[in-house]
Amino acid sequence: MALQSGYFEVNASVGETLAVPEDRSGTIFDSIRQSYSFTAGAIAGTNNLIWSDRRTVGAGATDTIDLNGGGLTDAFGVAVNFGSVTGICIFNRETVAATRILNFRPAAAATFLWTFGAVGNTLAIAPSGAYIQWDDAVGGHLCPAGADSLSLVNTDGANGVTYDILIVGRV
């Protein structure tokens, strides 16, 4: 089944109220709202693959996701093999302890570098934290077999960490 349409959106808004001693009063609102909308297809501005899952990484363990040929299936049981990726969203579902951090990084082998730039780079996702990135470059970010794996590492040595992940892209 083809992906019909969707969007990623970031909406951040902060209000600041000024008072003494600034010698003025009022409220300032700062906000950022950015979105990436797409329809079905295989060119820029479109996607034809989606994969999502709720996963748990054991205490001190690593969950490696192979984007192209790694056994991923969609909600209908159909194999998902990304030729390119345009968007990733990860949500750390843990709320209990600050130690239940997920380190998102390229896998040690068959490394997919898109967001990282280098193999050793890591992005920490704290409990109740999220990571979202999209970039619909021409052709998306290619992930051929052999350069197509991401890892999520549980830094907590005593507890599992549950997370949600959503990836969109093209064949």
Foldseek 3Di string as FASTA:
>chain_A
DWFAKDKDKDKDKDKDFDDPPVPDTDIDMDMDIDMQIAGDDQWQRHFGDKAKDKDKAFAQGKDKDFQAPPQTAHPVRHDGGFQAWFKKKKFFQDDDDQLFKKKKFFDPWLGACVVPVDRPDTDIATHRGMDMDGDRDTRHRGRDGRNGMMMIGGRGNHGMIIMMMMITHYD
